[in-house]
Amino acid sequence: MPAQQNIWIWNHISGTWEQWPGVASTNRLIATGQVIAGAHKLCWLACNPAAGNSVWELSDDTTSLTATVLDCFSTNREAKGFVFRPPMPFANGIYLKTFTNMTSVTFGYV
């Protein structure tokens, strides 16, 4: 195990210890589109619906052509925040493929 002065988490996929970052990069989207290309880990997400019956969907790609890997539907206009522990891995990129009745979705990723 690496030095104890840092926070390390076990990556069961690669079978290695990874240093946990002190900060996450952020991106706020107000429409569908690419959050970030390439392999990343989604640490947190916050959404602000514009109305009831709002929905957002994420895919693990850069074009929105693959299957949805994470989604959320709300019948009321209530903001939501999600923290992923452990973070959710994306191999190809994070793409916001559906954005209905939403004001914004903000992502925190490494």
PDB file of N, CA and C in Angstrom:
ATOM      1  N   MET A   1       0.851  -1.190   0.000  1.00  0.00           N
ATOM      2  CA  MET A   1       0.000   0.000   0.000  1.00  0.00           C
ATOM      3  C   MET A   1       0.887   1.239   0.000  1.00  0.00           C
ATOM      4  N   PRO A   2       0.501   2.280  -0.729  1.00  0.00           N
ATOM      5  CA  PRO A   2       1.278   3.524  -0.781  1.00  0.00           C
ATOM      6  C   PRO A   2       1.325   4.249   0.559  1.00  0.00           C
ATOM      7  N   ALA A   3       2.030   5.374   0.562  1.00  0.00           N
ATOM      8  CA  ALA A   3       2.225   6.162   1.778  1.00  0.00           C
ATOM      9  C   ALA A   3       0.894   6.507   2.447  1.00  0.00           C
ATOM     10  N   GLN A   4       0.894   6.569   3.764  1.00  0.00           N
ATOM     11  CA  GLN A   4      -0.323   6.782   4.524  1.00  0.00           C
ATOM     12  C   GLN A   4      -0.768   8.239   4.602  1.00  0.00           C
ATOM     13  N   GLN A   5       0.073   9.198   4.217  1.00  0.00           N
ATOM     14  CA  GLN A   5      -0.325  10.596   4.323  1.00  0.00           C
ATOM     15  C   GLN A   5      -1.328  10.985   3.233  1.00  0.00           C
ATOM     16  N   ASN A   6      -1.517  10.123   2.248  1.00  0.00           N
ATOM     17  CA  ASN A   6      -2.479  10.373   1.182  1.00  0.00           C
ATOM     18  C   ASN A   6      -3.678   9.454   1.349  1.00  0.00           C
ATOM     19  N   ILE A   7      -4.771   9.798   0.702  1.00  0.00           N
ATOM     20  CA  ILE A   7      -5.946   8.930   0.699  1.00  0.00           C
ATOM     21  C   ILE A   7      -5.890   8.097  -0.571  1.00  0.00           C
ATOM     22  N   TRP A   8      -5.919   6.792  -0.403  1.00  0.00           N
ATOM     23  CA  TRP A   8      -5.854   5.873  -1.535  1.00  0.00           C
ATOM     24  C   TRP A   8      -7.101   5.003  -1.532  1.00  0.00           C
ATOM     25  N   ILE A   9      -7.612   4.734  -2.720  1.00  0.00           N
ATOM     26  CA  ILE A   9      -8.761   3.842  -2.848  1.00  0.00           C
ATOM     27  C   ILE A   9      -8.392   2.679  -3.756  1.00  0.00           C
ATOM     28  N   TRP A  10      -8.992   1.542  -3.509  1.00  0.00           N
ATOM     29  CA  TRP A  10      -8.711   0.336  -4.272  1.00  0.00           C
ATOM     30  C   TRP A  10      -9.571   0.307  -5.525  1.00  0.00           C
ATOM     31  N   ASN A  11      -8.941   0.114  -6.681  1.00  0.00           N
ATOM     32  CA  ASN A  11      -9.640  -0.032  -7.944  1.00  0.00           C
ATOM     33  C   ASN A  11      -9.748  -1.516  -8.228  1.00  0.00           C
ATOM     34  N   HIS A  12     -10.930  -2.080  -8.020  1.00  0.00           N
ATOM     35  CA  HIS A  12     -11.106  -3.522  -8.196  1.00  0.00           C
ATOM     36  C   HIS A  12     -11.028  -3.938  -9.666  1.00  0.00           C
ATOM     37  N   ILE A  13     -11.211  -3.000 -10.589  1.00  0.00           N
ATOM     38  CA  ILE A  13     -11.152  -3.332 -12.017  1.00  0.00           C
ATOM     39  C   ILE A  13      -9.702  -3.524 -12.460  1.00  0.00           C
ATOM     40  N   SER A  14      -8.830  -2.577 -12.083  1.00  0.00           N
ATOM     41  CA  SER A  14      -7.424  -2.690 -12.492  1.00  0.00           C
ATOM     42  C   SER A  14      -6.578  -3.438 -11.464  1.00  0.00           C
ATOM     43  N   GLY A  15      -7.130  -3.652 -10.265  1.00  0.00           N
ATOM     44  CA  GLY A  15      -6.377  -4.337  -9.223  1.00  0.00           C
ATOM     45  C   GLY A  15      -5.226  -3.505  -8.666  1.00  0.00           C
ATOM     46  N   THR A  16      -5.417  -2.180  -8.644  1.00  0.00           N
ATOM     47  CA  THR A  16      -4.365  -1.277  -8.157  1.00  0.00           C
ATOM     48  C   THR A  16      -4.939  -0.259  -7.180  1.00  0.00           C
ATOM     49  N   TRP A  17      -4.055   0.332  -6.388  1.00  0.00           N
ATOM     50  CA  TRP A  17      -4.424   1.442  -5.515  1.00  0.00           C
ATOM     51  C   TRP A  17      -4.324   2.726  -6.313  1.00  0.00           C
ATOM     52  N   GLU A  18      -5.292   3.635  -6.123  1.00  0.00           N
ATOM     53  CA  GLU A  18      -5.285   4.925  -6.804  1.00  0.00           C
ATOM     54  C   GLU A  18      -5.371   6.033  -5.763  1.00  0.00           C
ATOM     55  N   GLN A  19      -4.568   7.070  -5.959  1.00  0.00           N
ATOM     56  CA  GLN A  19      -4.638   8.205  -5.049  1.00  0.00           C
ATOM     57  C   GLN A  19      -5.931   8.967  -5.299  1.00  0.00           C
ATOM     58  N   TRP A  20      -6.657   9.265  -4.233  1.00  0.00           N
ATOM     59  CA  TRP A  20      -7.907   9.990  -4.353  1.00  0.00           C
ATOM     60  C   TRP A  20      -7.609  11.473  -4.521  1.00  0.00           C
ATOM     61  N   PRO A  21      -8.210  12.138  -5.496  1.00  0.00           N
ATOM     62  CA  PRO A  21      -7.908  13.543  -5.739  1.00  0.00           C
ATOM     63  C   PRO A  21      -8.501  14.462  -4.683  1.00  0.00           C
ATOM     64  N   GLY A  22      -7.875  15.603  -4.502  1.00  0.00           N
ATOM     65  CA  GLY A  22      -8.362  16.606  -3.563  1.00  0.00           C
ATOM     66  C   GLY A  22      -9.446  17.481  -4.159  1.00  0.00           C
ATOM     67  N   VAL A  23      -9.524  17.547  -5.487  1.00  0.00           N
ATOM     68  CA  VAL A  23     -10.542  18.355  -6.162  1.00  0.00           C
ATOM     69  C   VAL A  23     -11.061  17.594  -7.378  1.00  0.00           C
ATOM     70  N   ALA A  24     -12.225  18.005  -7.841  1.00  0.00           N
ATOM     71  CA  ALA A  24     -12.800  17.443  -9.055  1.00  0.00           C
ATOM     72  C   ALA A  24     -12.986  18.561 -10.068  1.00  0.00           C
ATOM     73  N   SER A  25     -12.819  18.236 -11.331  1.00  0.00           N
ATOM     74  CA  SER A  25     -13.142  19.188 -12.391  1.00  0.00           C
ATOM     75  C   SER A  25     -14.651  19.271 -12.498  1.00  0.00           C
ATOM     76  N   THR A  26     -15.158  20.423 -12.890  1.00  0.00           N
ATOM     77  CA  THR A  26     -16.606  20.584 -13.002  1.00  0.00           C
ATOM     78  C   THR A  26     -16.988  21.079 -14.393  1.00  0.00           C
ATOM     79  N   ASN A  27     -18.205  20.753 -14.771  1.00  0.00           N
ATOM     80  CA  ASN A  27     -18.772  21.222 -16.036  1.00  0.00           C
ATOM     81  C   ASN A  27     -20.271  21.333 -15.836  1.00  0.00           C
ATOM     82  N   ARG A  28     -20.834  22.493 -16.176  1.00  0.00           N
ATOM     83  CA  ARG A  28     -22.276  22.727 -16.071  1.00  0.00           C
ATOM     84  C   ARG A  28     -22.843  22.811 -17.484  1.00  0.00           C
ATOM     85  N   LEU A  29     -23.816  21.935 -17.770  1.00  0.00           N
ATOM     86  CA  LEU A  29     -24.449  21.934 -19.088  1.00  0.00           C
ATOM     87  C   LEU A  29     -25.880  22.451 -18.985  1.00  0.00           C
ATOM     88  N   ILE A  30     -26.303  23.189 -20.024  1.00  0.00           N
ATOM     89  CA  ILE A  30     -27.677  23.686 -20.092  1.00  0.00           C
ATOM     90  C   ILE A  30     -28.398  23.128 -21.322  1.00  0.00           C
ATOM     91  N   ALA A  31     -27.813  22.104 -21.917  1.00  0.00           N
ATOM     92  CA  ALA A  31     -28.399  21.399 -23.063  1.00  0.00           C
ATOM     93  C   ALA A  31     -27.672  20.068 -23.203  1.00  0.00           C
ATOM     94  N   THR A  32     -28.154  19.202 -24.068  1.00  0.00           N
ATOM     95  CA  THR A  32     -27.467  17.940 -24.298  1.00  0.00           C
ATOM     96  C   THR A  32     -26.078  18.215 -24.870  1.00  0.00           C
ATOM     97  N   GLY A  33     -25.175  17.269 -24.649  1.00  0.00           N
ATOM     98  CA  GLY A  33     -23.839  17.418 -25.202  1.00  0.00           C
ATOM     99  C   GLY A  33     -22.797  16.680 -24.390  1.00  0.00           C
ATOM    100  N   GLN A  34     -21.577  16.748 -24.872  1.00  0.00           N
ATOM    101  CA  GLN A  34     -20.446  16.080 -24.244  1.00  0.00           C
ATOM    102  C   GLN A  34     -20.032  16.804 -22.973  1.00  0.00           C
ATOM    103  N   VAL A  35     -19.917  16.052 -21.902  1.00  0.00           N
ATOM    104  CA  VAL A  35     -19.408  16.596 -20.648  1.00  0.00           C
ATOM    105  C   VAL A  35     -17.889  16.610 -20.718  1.00  0.00           C
ATOM    106  N   ILE A  36     -17.311  15.446 -21.034  1.00  0.00           N
ATOM    107  CA  ILE A  36     -15.858  15.301 -21.154  1.00  0.00           C
ATOM    108  C   ILE A  36     -15.588  14.030 -21.970  1.00  0.00           C
ATOM    109  N   ALA A  37     -14.581  14.066 -22.817  1.00  0.00           N
ATOM    110  CA  ALA A  37     -14.200  12.894 -23.611  1.00  0.00           C
ATOM    111  C   ALA A  37     -13.122  12.108 -22.881  1.00  0.00           C
ATOM    112  N   GLY A  38     -13.045  10.828 -23.168  1.00  0.00           N
ATOM    113  CA  GLY A  38     -12.007   9.981 -22.594  1.00  0.00           C
ATOM    114  C   GLY A  38     -12.424   9.348 -21.279  1.00  0.00           C
ATOM    115  N   ALA A  39     -11.520   8.538 -20.749  1.00  0.00           N
ATOM    116  CA  ALA A  39     -11.783   7.816 -19.504  1.00  0.00           C
ATOM    117  C   ALA A  39     -11.779   8.775 -18.319  1.00  0.00           C
ATOM    118  N   HIS A  40     -12.882   8.810 -17.592  1.00  0.00           N
ATOM    119  CA  HIS A  40     -13.025   9.648 -16.404  1.00  0.00           C
ATOM    120  C   HIS A  40     -13.907   8.941 -15.387  1.00  0.00           C
ATOM    121  N   LYS A  41     -13.925   9.489 -14.186  1.00  0.00           N
ATOM    122  CA  LYS A  41     -14.780   8.961 -13.128  1.00  0.00           C
ATOM    123  C   LYS A  41     -15.695  10.072 -12.649  1.00  0.00           C
ATOM    124  N   LEU A  42     -16.989   9.778 -12.622  1.00  0.00           N
ATOM    125  CA  LEU A  42     -17.984  10.737 -12.164  1.00  0.00           C
ATOM    126  C   LEU A  42     -18.073  10.656 -10.645  1.00  0.00           C
ATOM    127  N   CYS A  43     -17.730  11.757  -9.966  1.00  0.00           N
ATOM    128  CA  CYS A  43     -17.718  11.801  -8.503  1.00  0.00           C
ATOM    129  C   CYS A  43     -19.039  12.308  -7.939  1.00  0.00           C
ATOM    130  N   TRP A  44     -19.609  13.308  -8.586  1.00  0.00           N
ATOM    131  CA  TRP A  44     -20.888  13.856  -8.137  1.00  0.00           C
ATOM    132  C   TRP A  44     -21.614  14.500  -9.300  1.00  0.00           C
ATOM    133  N   LEU A  45     -22.913  14.721  -9.110  1.00  0.00           N
ATOM    134  CA  LEU A  45     -23.755  15.321 -10.127  1.00  0.00           C
ATOM    135  C   LEU A  45     -24.861  16.086  -9.410  1.00  0.00           C
ATOM    136  N   ALA A  46     -25.201  17.267  -9.894  1.00  0.00           N
ATOM    137  CA  ALA A  46     -26.309  18.055  -9.362  1.00  0.00           C
ATOM    138  C   ALA A  46     -27.195  18.475 -10.520  1.00  0.00           C
ATOM    139  N   CYS A  47     -28.512  18.359 -10.338  1.00  0.00           N
ATOM    140  CA  CYS A  47     -29.422  18.754 -11.405  1.00  0.00           C
ATOM    141  C   CYS A  47     -30.458  19.742 -10.882  1.00  0.00           C
ATOM    142  N   ASN A  48     -30.869  20.648 -11.776  1.00  0.00           N
ATOM    143  CA  ASN A  48     -31.846  21.675 -11.459  1.00  0.00           C
ATOM    144  C   ASN A  48     -32.961  21.619 -12.501  1.00  0.00           C
ATOM    145  N   PRO A  49     -34.078  20.955 -12.183  1.00  0.00           N
ATOM    146  CA  PRO A  49     -35.177  20.871 -13.130  1.00  0.00           C
ATOM    147  C   PRO A  49     -35.832  22.236 -13.356  1.00  0.00           C
ATOM    148  N   ALA A  50     -36.342  22.452 -14.558  1.00  0.00           N
ATOM    149  CA  ALA A  50     -37.064  23.674 -14.882  1.00  0.00           C
ATOM    150  C   ALA A  50     -38.558  23.508 -14.631  1.00  0.00           C
ATOM    151  N   ALA A  51     -39.022  22.265 -14.596  1.00  0.00           N
ATOM    152  CA  ALA A  51     -40.441  21.975 -14.407  1.00  0.00           C
ATOM    153  C   ALA A  51     -40.584  20.520 -13.959  1.00  0.00           C
ATOM    154  N   GLY A  52     -41.820  20.139 -13.664  1.00  0.00           N
ATOM    155  CA  GLY A  52     -42.088  18.741 -13.355  1.00  0.00           C
ATOM    156  C   GLY A  52     -41.906  17.870 -14.588  1.00  0.00           C
ATOM    157  N   ASN A  53     -41.896  16.572 -14.381  1.00  0.00           N
ATOM    158  CA  ASN A  53     -41.679  15.604 -15.463  1.00  0.00           C
ATOM    159  C   ASN A  53     -40.374  15.875 -16.205  1.00  0.00           C
ATOM    160  N   SER A  54     -39.335  16.097 -15.441  1.00  0.00           N
ATOM    161  CA  SER A  54     -38.008  16.339 -16.006  1.00  0.00           C
ATOM    162  C   SER A  54     -37.214  15.041 -16.038  1.00  0.00           C
ATOM    163  N   VAL A  55     -36.300  14.948 -16.986  1.00  0.00           N
ATOM    164  CA  VAL A  55     -35.479  13.747 -17.122  1.00  0.00           C
ATOM    165  C   VAL A  55     -34.123  14.111 -17.707  1.00  0.00           C
ATOM    166  N   TRP A  56     -33.096  13.411 -17.234  1.00  0.00           N
ATOM    167  CA  TRP A  56     -31.775  13.479 -17.865  1.00  0.00           C
ATOM    168  C   TRP A  56     -31.232  12.064 -17.957  1.00  0.00           C
ATOM    169  N   GLU A  57     -30.377  11.838 -18.966  1.00  0.00           N
ATOM    170  CA  GLU A  57     -29.759  10.528 -19.189  1.00  0.00           C
ATOM    171  C   GLU A  57     -28.312  10.721 -19.602  1.00  0.00           C
ATOM    172  N   LEU A  58     -27.446   9.838 -19.098  1.00  0.00           N
ATOM    173  CA  LEU A  58     -26.027   9.857 -19.452  1.00  0.00           C
ATOM    174  C   LEU A  58     -25.656   8.585 -20.206  1.00  0.00           C
ATOM    175  N   SER A  59     -24.710   8.718 -21.135  1.00  0.00           N
ATOM    176  CA  SER A  59     -24.140   7.554 -21.807  1.00  0.00           C
ATOM    177  C   SER A  59     -22.617   7.611 -21.693  1.00  0.00           C
ATOM    178  N   ASP A  60     -21.988   6.451 -21.885  1.00  0.00           N
ATOM    179  CA  ASP A  60     -20.526   6.324 -21.798  1.00  0.00           C
ATOM    180  C   ASP A  60     -19.961   6.375 -23.212  1.00  0.00           C
ATOM    181  N   ASP A  61     -19.968   7.581 -23.809  1.00  0.00           N
ATOM    182  CA  ASP A  61     -19.468   7.758 -25.171  1.00  0.00           C
ATOM    183  C   ASP A  61     -19.281   9.244 -25.449  1.00  0.00           C
ATOM    184  N   THR A  62     -19.062   9.591 -26.695  1.00  0.00           N
ATOM    185  CA  THR A  62     -18.907  10.999 -27.079  1.00  0.00           C
ATOM    186  C   THR A  62     -19.935  11.420 -28.126  1.00  0.00           C
ATOM    187  N   THR A  63     -20.948  10.561 -28.360  1.00  0.00           N
ATOM    188  CA  THR A  63     -21.935  10.847 -29.407  1.00  0.00           C
ATOM    189  C   THR A  63     -23.375  10.621 -28.975  1.00  0.00           C
ATOM    190  N   SER A  64     -23.621  10.054 -27.853  1.00  0.00           N
ATOM    191  CA  SER A  64     -24.948   9.694 -27.320  1.00  0.00           C
ATOM    192  C   SER A  64     -25.580   8.501 -28.031  1.00  0.00           C
ATOM    193  N   LEU A  65     -24.799   7.735 -28.777  1.00  0.00           N
ATOM    194  CA  LEU A  65     -25.363   6.630 -29.554  1.00  0.00           C
ATOM    195  C   LEU A  65     -25.403   5.300 -28.801  1.00  0.00           C
ATOM    196  N   THR A  66     -24.748   5.223 -27.651  1.00  0.00           N
ATOM    197  CA  THR A  66     -24.757   3.964 -26.902  1.00  0.00           C
ATOM    198  C   THR A  66     -25.848   3.996 -25.839  1.00  0.00           C
ATOM    199  N   ALA A  67     -25.973   2.913 -25.122  1.00  0.00           N
ATOM    200  CA  ALA A  67     -27.023   2.762 -24.118  1.00  0.00           C
ATOM    201  C   ALA A  67     -26.869   3.763 -22.973  1.00  0.00           C
ATOM    202  N   THR A  68     -27.984   4.101 -22.375  1.00  0.00           N
ATOM    203  CA  THR A  68     -28.001   4.947 -21.186  1.00  0.00           C
ATOM    204  C   THR A  68     -27.410   4.162 -20.021  1.00  0.00           C
ATOM    205  N   VAL A  69     -26.495   4.791 -19.281  1.00  0.00           N
ATOM    206  CA  VAL A  69     -25.885   4.128 -18.122  1.00  0.00           C
ATOM    207  C   VAL A  69     -26.338   4.740 -16.803  1.00  0.00           C
ATOM    208  N   LEU A  70     -26.930   5.937 -16.848  1.00  0.00           N
ATOM    209  CA  LEU A  70     -27.426   6.592 -15.640  1.00  0.00           C
ATOM    210  C   LEU A  70     -28.514   7.565 -16.056  1.00  0.00           C
ATOM    211  N   ASP A  71     -29.629   7.563 -15.308  1.00  0.00           N
ATOM    212  CA  ASP A  71     -30.706   8.489 -15.635  1.00  0.00           C
ATOM    213  C   ASP A  71     -31.486   8.862 -14.384  1.00  0.00           C
ATOM    214  N   CYS A  72     -32.303   9.909 -14.518  1.00  0.00           N
ATOM    215  CA  CYS A  72     -33.119  10.364 -13.396  1.00  0.00           C
ATOM    216  C   CYS A  72     -34.377  11.020 -13.944  1.00  0.00           C
ATOM    217  N   PHE A  73     -35.513  10.707 -13.329  1.00  0.00           N
ATOM    218  CA  PHE A  73     -36.793  11.289 -13.691  1.00  0.00           C
ATOM    219  C   PHE A  73     -37.421  11.878 -12.443  1.00  0.00           C
ATOM    220  N   SER A  74     -37.979  13.078 -12.560  1.00  0.00           N
ATOM    221  CA  SER A  74     -38.645  13.726 -11.428  1.00  0.00           C
ATOM    222  C   SER A  74     -40.008  14.224 -11.852  1.00  0.00           C
ATOM    223  N   THR A  75     -41.012  13.980 -11.022  1.00  0.00           N
ATOM    224  CA  THR A  75     -42.360  14.466 -11.315  1.00  0.00           C
ATOM    225  C   THR A  75     -42.554  15.897 -10.815  1.00  0.00           C
ATOM    226  N   ASN A  76     -41.736  16.332  -9.873  1.00  0.00           N
ATOM    227  CA  ASN A  76     -41.817  17.687  -9.335  1.00  0.00           C
ATOM    228  C   ASN A  76     -40.575  18.473  -9.718  1.00  0.00           C
ATOM    229  N   ARG A  77     -40.618  19.782  -9.486  1.00  0.00           N
ATOM    230  CA  ARG A  77     -39.458  20.632  -9.758  1.00  0.00           C
ATOM    231  C   ARG A  77     -38.604  20.705  -8.500  1.00  0.00           C
ATOM    232  N   GLU A  78     -37.797  19.663  -8.282  1.00  0.00           N
ATOM    233  CA  GLU A  78     -36.928  19.618  -7.115  1.00  0.00           C
ATOM    234  C   GLU A  78     -35.501  19.342  -7.556  1.00  0.00           C
ATOM    235  N   ALA A  79     -34.589  20.173  -7.073  1.00  0.00           N
ATOM    236  CA  ALA A  79     -33.174  19.952  -7.385  1.00  0.00           C
ATOM    237  C   ALA A  79     -32.698  18.700  -6.668  1.00  0.00           C
ATOM    238  N   LYS A  80     -31.742  18.013  -7.274  1.00  0.00           N
ATOM    239  CA  LYS A  80     -31.196  16.791  -6.680  1.00  0.00           C
ATOM    240  C   LYS A  80     -29.684  16.810  -6.798  1.00  0.00           C
ATOM    241  N   GLY A  81     -29.043  16.182  -5.845  1.00  0.00           N
ATOM    242  CA  GLY A  81     -27.598  16.019  -5.878  1.00  0.00           C
ATOM    243  C   GLY A  81     -27.254  14.567  -5.621  1.00  0.00           C
ATOM    244  N   PHE A  82     -26.269  14.061  -6.327  1.00  0.00           N
ATOM    245  CA  PHE A  82     -25.843  12.668  -6.200  1.00  0.00           C
ATOM    246  C   PHE A  82     -24.341  12.634  -5.971  1.00  0.00           C
ATOM    247  N   VAL A  83     -23.905  11.855  -4.997  1.00  0.00           N
ATOM    248  CA  VAL A  83     -22.484  11.641  -4.740  1.00  0.00           C
ATOM    249  C   VAL A  83     -22.214  10.162  -4.968  1.00  0.00           C
ATOM    250  N   PHE A  84     -21.222   9.861  -5.773  1.00  0.00           N
ATOM    251  CA  PHE A  84     -20.903   8.480  -6.118  1.00  0.00           C
ATOM    252  C   PHE A  84     -19.657   8.039  -5.370  1.00  0.00           C
ATOM    253  N   ARG A  85     -19.834   7.103  -4.431  1.00  0.00           N
ATOM    254  CA  ARG A  85     -18.730   6.546  -3.661  1.00  0.00           C
ATOM    255  C   ARG A  85     -18.840   5.029  -3.716  1.00  0.00           C
ATOM    256  N   PRO A  86     -18.025   4.391  -4.473  1.00  0.00           N
ATOM    257  CA  PRO A  86     -16.914   4.902  -5.262  1.00  0.00           C
ATOM    258  C   PRO A  86     -17.429   5.645  -6.488  1.00  0.00           C
ATOM    259  N   PRO A  87     -16.559   6.430  -7.119  1.00  0.00           N
ATOM    260  CA  PRO A  87     -16.983   7.164  -8.304  1.00  0.00           C
ATOM    261  C   PRO A  87     -17.357   6.215  -9.439  1.00  0.00           C
ATOM    262  N   MET A  88     -18.245   6.680 -10.300  1.00  0.00           N
ATOM    263  CA  MET A  88     -18.732   5.868 -11.420  1.00  0.00           C
ATOM    264  C   MET A  88     -17.777   5.999 -12.604  1.00  0.00           C
ATOM    265  N   PRO A  89     -17.191   4.879 -13.071  1.00  0.00           N
ATOM    266  CA  PRO A  89     -16.233   4.965 -14.182  1.00  0.00           C
ATOM    267  C   PRO A  89     -16.914   5.091 -15.540  1.00  0.00           C
ATOM    268  N   PHE A  90     -16.327   5.907 -16.384  1.00  0.00           N
ATOM    269  CA  PHE A  90     -16.730   6.055 -17.776  1.00  0.00           C
ATOM    270  C   PHE A  90     -15.481   5.792 -18.615  1.00  0.00           C
ATOM    271  N   ALA A  91     -15.539   4.838 -19.522  1.00  0.00           N
ATOM    272  CA  ALA A  91     -14.370   4.445 -20.311  1.00  0.00           C
ATOM    273  C   ALA A  91     -14.138   5.348 -21.521  1.00  0.00           C
ATOM    274  N   ASN A  92     -15.201   5.832 -22.142  1.00  0.00           N
ATOM    275  CA  ASN A  92     -15.082   6.560 -23.406  1.00  0.00           C
ATOM    276  C   ASN A  92     -15.357   8.057 -23.297  1.00  0.00           C
ATOM    277  N   GLY A  93     -16.121   8.439 -22.320  1.00  0.00           N
ATOM    278  CA  GLY A  93     -16.499   9.831 -22.134  1.00  0.00           C
ATOM    279  C   GLY A  93     -17.837   9.914 -21.433  1.00  0.00           C
ATOM    280  N   ILE A  94     -18.157  11.080 -20.923  1.00  0.00           N
ATOM    281  CA  ILE A  94     -19.449  11.303 -20.279  1.00  0.00           C
ATOM    282  C   ILE A  94     -20.264  12.182 -21.218  1.00  0.00           C
ATOM    283  N   TYR A  95     -21.457  11.719 -21.589  1.00  0.00           N
ATOM    284  CA  TYR A  95     -22.295  12.454 -22.529  1.00  0.00           C
ATOM    285  C   TYR A  95     -23.700  12.595 -21.955  1.00  0.00           C
ATOM    286  N   LEU A  96     -24.197  13.822 -21.909  1.00  0.00           N
ATOM    287  CA  LEU A  96     -25.569  14.097 -21.479  1.00  0.00           C
ATOM    288  C   LEU A  96     -26.458  13.951 -22.706  1.00  0.00           C
ATOM    289  N   LYS A  97     -27.146  12.798 -22.811  1.00  0.00           N
ATOM    290  CA  LYS A  97     -27.877  12.487 -24.041  1.00  0.00           C
ATOM    291  C   LYS A  97     -29.336  12.904 -24.013  1.00  0.00           C
ATOM    292  N   THR A  98     -29.923  13.075 -22.845  1.00  0.00           N
ATOM    293  CA  THR A  98     -31.301  13.542 -22.735  1.00  0.00           C
ATOM    294  C   THR A  98     -31.343  14.655 -21.700  1.00  0.00           C
ATOM    295  N   PHE A  99     -32.072  15.721 -22.024  1.00  0.00           N
ATOM    296  CA  PHE A  99     -32.142  16.910 -21.179  1.00  0.00           C
ATOM    297  C   PHE A  99     -33.533  17.512 -21.398  1.00  0.00           C
ATOM    298  N   THR A 100     -34.517  17.012 -20.650  1.00  0.00           N
ATOM    299  CA  THR A 100     -35.907  17.416 -20.839  1.00  0.00           C
ATOM    300  C   THR A 100     -36.425  18.125 -19.594  1.00  0.00           C
ATOM    301  N   ASN A 101     -36.989  19.305 -19.781  1.00  0.00           N
ATOM    302  CA  ASN A 101     -37.512  20.125 -18.680  1.00  0.00           C
ATOM    303  C   ASN A 101     -36.466  20.386 -17.611  1.00  0.00           C
ATOM    304  N   MET A 102     -35.242  20.612 -18.036  1.00  0.00           N
ATOM    305  CA  MET A 102     -34.140  20.865 -17.114  1.00  0.00           C
ATOM    306  C   MET A 102     -33.601  22.286 -17.307  1.00  0.00           C
ATOM    307  N   THR A 103     -33.092  22.882 -16.230  1.00  0.00           N
ATOM    308  CA  THR A 103     -32.383  24.154 -16.307  1.00  0.00           C
ATOM    309  C   THR A 103     -30.900  23.891 -16.503  1.00  0.00           C
ATOM    310  N   SER A 104     -30.336  22.973 -15.686  1.00  0.00           N
ATOM    311  CA  SER A 104     -28.923  22.649 -15.803  1.00  0.00           C
ATOM    312  C   SER A 104     -28.613  21.335 -15.115  1.00  0.00           C
ATOM    313  N   VAL A 105     -27.500  20.756 -15.527  1.00  0.00           N
ATOM    314  CA  VAL A 105     -26.911  19.596 -14.849  1.00  0.00           C
ATOM    315  C   VAL A 105     -25.425  19.924 -14.695  1.00  0.00           C
ATOM    316  N   THR A 106     -24.930  19.799 -13.471  1.00  0.00           N
ATOM    317  CA  THR A 106     -23.522  20.093 -13.185  1.00  0.00           C
ATOM    318  C   THR A 106     -22.831  18.812 -12.765  1.00  0.00           C
ATOM    319  N   PHE A 107     -21.647  18.590 -13.308  1.00  0.00           N
ATOM    320  CA  PHE A 107     -20.905  17.346 -13.104  1.00  0.00           C
ATOM    321  C   PHE A 107     -19.597  17.630 -12.386  1.00  0.00           C
ATOM    322  N   GLY A 108     -19.218  16.753 -11.475  1.00  0.00           N
ATOM    323  CA  GLY A 108     -17.899  16.776 -10.853  1.00  0.00           C
ATOM    324  C   GLY A 108     -17.205  15.465 -11.183  1.00  0.00           C
ATOM    325  N   TYR A 109     -16.058  15.529 -11.842  1.00  0.00           N
ATOM    326  CA  TYR A 109     -15.395  14.319 -12.325  1.00  0.00           C
ATOM    327  C   TYR A 109     -13.883  14.446 -12.209  1.00  0.00           C
ATOM    328  N   VAL A 110     -13.233  13.316 -12.219  1.00  0.00           N
ATOM    329  CA  VAL A 110     -11.758  13.268 -12.257  1.00  0.00           C
ATOM    330  C   VAL A 110     -11.352  12.381 -13.407  1.00  0.00           C
TER     331      VAL A 110
END
